[in-house]
Amino acid sequence: MKMNQEHRPCQAKDGGTLYKIGMFAAMNHVTVKALRFYEEQGLLTPALIHPETGYRYYTLSQMSVLHQITALKLAGFTLEEIARLSAGGDEEAVLLKKKSELLCKIADLTKQLAVVDGFLPKKKGKLSAPVLIKTIPETRVAFVKTRLDSYDSLFDRMPEMGALMEKAGCECAMPEYCFTNYLESGYKDEDIPVELCESVVAPKEETGELRFKTLPEIQAACIFHKGSYAAFPESYETVLRFIEENGYEIAGPIRESYIDGVWNKEEVSQWLSEIQVPVRKK
């Protein structure tokens, strides 16, 4: 039914006006099919169904219910989740859970956007990621302080740390933040002192080598690195050159954050890391 077509409203039992499904759909910019589907799902039942004709009627007071359904769908809620809210579920808990999910999606999309942006500029005929000065917020971490036989042994130690965290009952913070703190400057072939760190929701009882601490907020020069760790020197050159040319100096242990790697990507070309160098202005 068009909005300007003649409409002869009925009267509801409480004296309010009843609108045919076509008019109600037009007023709310939804389809009749959508209203019938919401009825089937138990989300919005017509105020009246004519016993002889089967015509469905709605009242103005039901518009707020329809608007809530539409808004929650736009926010990413499924009809099942909306139905639970309508049935009297814990509204605040459901909304907070959805907020957390959306924040995680935003974090993931931000990482993806940074990678795309990083490959847009061209330098010396090669794709090069930009360096960004970012604030890395204070974070609680579970960590293992150790010395690596070589850089290749790093990912032999990571599963060991994961087992200790599982034993301690750790819950990883979201979005996940897993990184290595290099405790000495300069390159070493062996006996490399590091802290293997994973951001957690709360500290637990210390188990074996596993310890907990809170790292303060830092300003860092950051660059995304796509691909093999063997090519890290190129990314380090880029970020260190940026630091020198822009009046910064290194102000703490360098972090290598591992976003995607052998644990979730089959191709080395899909590995994604971020080098984070704490800095301050000279």
Protein backbone atom coordinates (compact mmCIF):
# COMPACT_ATOMS: atom_id res chain seq x y z
CA MET A 1 0.00 0.00 0.00
CA LYS A 2 1.35 3.45 -0.93
CA MET A 3 1.60 6.04 1.83
CA ASN A 4 -0.85 8.30 -0.03
CA GLN A 5 -3.47 5.61 -0.67
CA GLU A 6 -6.75 5.82 1.14
CA HIS A 7 -6.63 4.05 4.49
CA ARG A 8 -9.65 3.40 6.65
CA PRO A 9 -8.26 2.49 10.06
CA CYS A 10 -10.02 0.19 12.47
CA GLN A 11 -10.30 0.75 16.18
CA ALA A 12 -8.40 -1.37 18.71
CA LYS A 13 -10.16 -2.66 21.77
CA ASP A 14 -8.38 -0.04 23.87
CA GLY A 15 -9.59 2.73 21.58
CA GLY A 16 -6.31 3.08 19.65
CA THR A 17 -6.10 3.00 15.88
CA LEU A 18 -5.32 -0.27 14.08
CA TYR A 19 -3.31 -0.14 10.86
CA LYS A 20 -3.28 -2.81 8.18
CA ILE A 21 0.03 -4.55 7.69
CA GLY A 22 0.69 -2.76 4.38
CA MET A 23 0.23 0.70 5.87
CA PHE A 24 2.24 -0.21 8.99
CA ALA A 25 5.08 -1.50 6.81
CA ALA A 26 5.05 1.67 4.66
CA MET A 27 5.09 3.95 7.71
CA ASN A 28 8.14 2.16 9.09
CA HIS A 29 10.05 1.65 5.81
CA VAL A 30 10.09 -2.13 6.11
CA THR A 31 8.59 -4.80 3.88
CA VAL A 32 5.44 -6.77 4.58
CA LYS A 33 7.60 -9.88 4.21
CA ALA A 34 9.82 -8.64 7.07
CA LEU A 35 6.82 -8.08 9.35
CA ARG A 36 5.50 -11.57 8.62
CA PHE A 37 8.95 -13.00 9.36
CA TYR A 38 9.18 -11.14 12.67
CA GLU A 39 5.75 -12.55 13.51
CA GLU A 40 6.94 -16.10 12.73
CA GLN A 41 9.97 -15.57 14.97
CA GLY A 42 7.79 -14.31 17.82
CA LEU A 43 9.41 -10.87 17.78
CA LEU A 44 6.41 -8.75 16.76
CA THR A 45 2.92 -10.22 16.85
CA PRO A 46 0.09 -8.23 15.22
CA ALA A 47 -2.26 -6.51 17.65
CA LEU A 48 -5.17 -8.11 15.79
CA ILE A 49 -5.64 -10.84 13.19
CA HIS A 50 -9.09 -10.71 11.64
CA PRO A 51 -10.69 -14.14 12.23
CA GLU A 52 -12.41 -14.19 8.80
CA THR A 53 -10.05 -12.40 6.41
CA GLY A 54 -6.74 -13.10 8.16
CA TYR A 55 -5.78 -9.44 7.75
CA ARG A 56 -3.13 -8.35 10.20
CA TYR A 57 -3.34 -5.07 12.10
CA TYR A 58 -0.79 -3.16 14.18
CA THR A 59 -0.93 -0.20 16.58
CA LEU A 60 1.27 2.87 16.88
CA SER A 61 2.57 1.58 20.20
CA GLN A 62 4.17 -1.34 18.32
CA MET A 63 6.33 1.02 16.28
CA SER A 64 8.82 1.33 19.15
CA VAL A 65 9.20 -2.47 19.21
CA LEU A 66 9.83 -2.55 15.46
CA HIS A 67 12.33 0.32 15.72
CA GLN A 68 14.23 -1.57 18.43
CA ILE A 69 14.40 -4.70 16.27
CA THR A 70 15.69 -2.63 13.33
CA ALA A 71 18.29 -0.83 15.46
CA LEU A 72 19.59 -4.04 17.04
CA LYS A 73 19.91 -5.67 13.61
CA LEU A 74 21.98 -2.69 12.44
CA ALA A 75 24.18 -3.17 15.53
CA GLY A 76 24.91 -6.73 14.43
CA PHE A 77 22.52 -8.65 16.68
CA THR A 78 21.04 -11.86 15.31
CA LEU A 79 17.29 -12.41 15.48
CA GLU A 80 17.96 -15.14 18.06
CA GLU A 81 19.77 -12.63 20.28
CA ILE A 82 16.98 -10.08 19.79
CA ALA A 83 14.44 -12.74 20.75
CA ARG A 84 16.33 -13.45 23.99
CA LEU A 85 16.27 -9.75 24.83
CA SER A 86 12.56 -9.55 24.06
CA ALA A 87 11.93 -12.58 26.29
CA GLY A 88 13.37 -10.74 29.29
CA GLY A 89 17.04 -11.73 29.13
CA ASP A 90 19.75 -9.78 30.94
CA GLU A 91 19.76 -6.78 28.61
CA GLU A 92 22.90 -5.14 30.01
CA ALA A 93 24.92 -8.37 29.85
CA VAL A 94 23.87 -9.03 26.25
CA LEU A 95 24.65 -5.46 25.18
CA LEU A 96 28.05 -5.48 26.90
CA LYS A 97 28.91 -8.80 25.23
CA LYS A 98 27.98 -7.38 21.84
CA LYS A 99 30.02 -4.25 22.55
CA SER A 100 33.05 -6.41 23.35
CA GLU A 101 32.59 -8.37 20.11
CA LEU A 102 32.33 -5.17 18.08
CA LEU A 103 35.46 -3.71 19.70
CA CYS A 104 37.36 -6.88 18.78
CA LYS A 105 36.13 -6.59 15.19
CA ILE A 106 37.21 -2.94 15.12
CA ALA A 107 40.66 -3.95 16.38
CA ASP A 108 40.95 -6.64 13.70
CA LEU A 109 39.79 -4.28 10.97
CA THR A 110 42.21 -1.61 12.17
CA LYS A 111 45.07 -4.09 11.83
CA GLN A 112 43.92 -5.03 8.34
CA LEU A 113 43.60 -1.35 7.36
CA ALA A 114 47.10 -0.63 8.67
CA VAL A 115 48.50 -3.45 6.57
CA VAL A 116 46.74 -2.17 3.45
CA ASP A 117 47.92 1.40 4.15
CA GLY A 118 51.41 0.07 4.74
CA PHE A 119 51.64 -1.38 1.25
CA LEU A 120 50.29 1.66 -0.57
CA PRO A 121 53.37 3.92 -0.63
CA LYS A 122 56.26 2.86 -2.84
CA LYS A 123 59.94 3.31 -2.07
CA LYS A 124 62.80 2.25 -4.32
CA GLY A 125 60.37 0.23 -6.42
CA LYS A 126 59.29 -1.84 -3.40
CA LEU A 127 56.21 -1.75 -1.22
CA SER A 128 57.07 -0.31 2.17
CA ALA A 129 55.03 0.03 5.38
CA PRO A 130 54.83 3.44 7.08
CA VAL A 131 56.09 4.15 10.58
CA LEU A 132 53.48 5.39 13.04
CA ILE A 133 53.95 6.94 16.49
CA LYS A 134 51.36 5.22 18.68
CA THR A 135 50.38 5.14 22.33
CA ILE A 136 50.48 1.59 23.63
CA PRO A 137 48.31 1.53 26.75
CA GLU A 138 49.23 0.06 30.10
CA THR A 139 48.81 -3.70 29.98
CA ARG A 140 48.90 -6.63 32.40
CA VAL A 141 51.05 -9.45 31.10
CA ALA A 142 52.00 -12.98 31.91
CA PHE A 143 55.67 -13.36 31.07
CA VAL A 144 58.57 -15.77 31.06
CA LYS A 145 62.07 -14.34 31.32
CA THR A 146 64.53 -16.55 29.50
CA ARG A 147 67.60 -16.67 27.26
CA LEU A 148 67.24 -17.97 23.74
CA ASP A 149 69.87 -20.19 22.13
CA SER A 150 69.03 -18.46 18.86
CA TYR A 151 66.22 -16.43 17.30
CA ASP A 152 64.91 -19.65 15.74
CA SER A 153 64.32 -21.12 19.22
CA LEU A 154 61.82 -18.37 20.06
CA PHE A 155 58.86 -20.36 18.80
CA ASP A 156 59.97 -23.46 20.65
CA ARG A 157 59.57 -21.54 23.89
CA MET A 158 56.18 -20.02 23.04
CA PRO A 159 54.23 -23.31 23.34
CA GLU A 160 55.97 -23.98 26.67
CA MET A 161 54.77 -20.62 27.96
CA GLY A 162 51.27 -21.35 26.65
CA ALA A 163 51.18 -24.57 28.65
CA LEU A 164 52.18 -22.70 31.82
CA MET A 165 49.47 -20.09 31.23
CA GLU A 166 46.85 -22.80 30.72
CA LYS A 167 47.97 -24.51 33.93
CA ALA A 168 47.67 -21.21 35.83
CA GLY A 169 44.16 -20.62 34.41
CA CYS A 170 45.09 -17.42 32.55
CA GLU A 171 42.50 -15.64 30.42
CA CYS A 172 44.03 -13.73 27.49
CA ALA A 173 42.93 -10.12 27.08
CA MET A 174 41.08 -9.15 23.93
CA PRO A 175 42.26 -8.12 21.44
CA GLU A 176 45.19 -10.50 21.93
CA TYR A 177 48.63 -8.95 22.45
CA CYS A 178 51.54 -11.39 22.31
CA PHE A 179 55.06 -10.01 22.06
CA THR A 180 58.74 -10.45 22.85
CA ASN A 181 60.63 -7.89 24.91
CA TYR A 182 64.31 -7.76 23.92
CA LEU A 183 66.20 -6.89 27.10
CA GLU A 184 69.57 -5.95 25.60
CA SER A 185 70.40 -3.67 22.70
CA GLY A 186 72.41 -4.93 19.78
CA TYR A 187 72.33 -8.15 17.81
CA LYS A 188 73.46 -11.47 19.30
CA ASP A 189 73.67 -14.84 17.56
CA GLU A 190 73.07 -16.76 20.81
CA ASP A 191 72.28 -16.40 24.51
CA ILE A 192 69.66 -13.72 23.79
CA PRO A 193 67.89 -12.36 26.92
CA VAL A 194 64.16 -11.84 26.35
CA GLU A 195 60.78 -11.70 28.03
CA LEU A 196 58.00 -13.62 26.32
CA CYS A 197 54.81 -11.70 27.10
CA GLU A 198 51.07 -12.24 26.68
CA SER A 199 48.45 -9.69 27.73
CA VAL A 200 46.01 -11.16 30.29
CA VAL A 201 42.76 -10.08 31.94
CA ALA A 202 44.13 -10.58 35.46
CA PRO A 203 47.22 -12.06 37.14
CA LYS A 204 47.07 -15.60 38.48
CA GLU A 205 49.22 -17.65 40.84
CA GLU A 206 52.78 -17.85 39.53
CA THR A 207 53.62 -21.27 38.09
CA GLY A 208 57.14 -22.44 37.28
CA GLU A 209 58.85 -19.69 35.27
CA LEU A 210 55.56 -17.86 34.69
CA ARG A 211 55.34 -14.42 36.30
CA PHE A 212 52.95 -11.47 36.10
CA LYS A 213 53.41 -7.70 35.97
CA THR A 214 51.86 -4.50 34.64
CA LEU A 215 53.71 -2.66 31.89
CA PRO A 216 53.20 1.12 31.81
CA GLU A 217 51.81 3.08 28.88
CA ILE A 218 54.46 3.93 26.29
CA GLN A 219 54.87 5.96 23.12
CA ALA A 220 56.33 3.79 20.38
CA ALA A 221 57.44 4.06 16.79
CA CYS A 222 55.66 1.13 15.16
CA ILE A 223 55.86 -0.59 11.79
CA PHE A 224 53.92 -3.58 10.49
CA HIS A 225 55.99 -6.38 8.97
CA LYS A 226 54.43 -8.80 6.49
CA GLY A 227 56.10 -12.14 5.80
CA SER A 228 59.13 -14.04 7.03
CA TYR A 229 60.95 -13.03 10.19
CA ALA A 230 64.18 -13.37 8.19
CA ALA A 231 63.24 -10.04 6.55
CA PHE A 232 62.91 -8.23 9.91
CA PRO A 233 66.18 -6.26 9.33
CA GLU A 234 64.55 -4.32 6.47
CA SER A 235 61.69 -3.23 8.69
CA TYR A 236 64.07 -2.40 11.53
CA GLU A 237 66.08 -0.22 9.16
CA THR A 238 62.91 1.68 8.19
CA VAL A 239 61.73 2.31 11.75
CA LEU A 240 65.19 3.21 13.11
CA ARG A 241 65.78 5.62 10.22
CA PHE A 242 62.43 7.26 11.05
CA ILE A 243 63.46 7.63 14.69
CA GLU A 244 66.77 9.29 13.78
CA GLU A 245 65.30 11.62 11.13
CA ASN A 246 62.42 12.83 13.31
CA GLY A 247 64.27 13.76 16.48
CA TYR A 248 63.42 10.72 18.61
CA GLU A 249 65.55 8.36 20.66
CA ILE A 250 64.92 4.81 21.87
CA ALA A 251 63.44 4.81 25.38
CA GLY A 252 63.06 1.16 26.38
CA PRO A 253 63.17 -2.49 25.32
CA ILE A 254 62.05 -3.12 21.74
CA ARG A 255 58.95 -5.29 21.34
CA GLU A 256 58.07 -7.64 18.50
CA SER A 257 54.32 -8.27 18.49
CA TYR A 258 53.09 -11.40 16.69
CA ILE A 259 49.64 -10.98 15.14
CA ASP A 260 49.48 -13.78 12.57
CA GLY A 261 52.02 -16.57 12.16
CA VAL A 262 52.65 -20.28 11.83
CA TRP A 263 49.90 -21.00 14.39
CA ASN A 264 47.09 -19.66 12.16
CA LYS A 265 48.48 -19.05 8.65
CA GLU A 266 49.68 -21.70 6.23
CA GLU A 267 51.68 -19.34 4.02
CA VAL A 268 54.73 -17.47 5.35
CA SER A 269 53.71 -14.53 3.15
CA GLN A 270 50.61 -14.14 5.33
CA TRP A 271 52.49 -13.78 8.62
CA LEU A 272 51.96 -10.38 10.23
CA SER A 273 54.04 -8.82 13.01
CA GLU A 274 54.55 -5.35 14.42
CA ILE A 275 57.87 -3.94 15.59
CA GLN A 276 57.29 -1.51 18.46
CA VAL A 277 60.21 0.71 19.53
CA PRO A 278 59.58 2.83 22.67
CA VAL A 279 60.67 6.41 21.94
CA ARG A 280 60.86 9.89 23.41
CA LYS A 281 61.77 13.23 21.85
CA LYS A 282 65.42 14.17 22.21
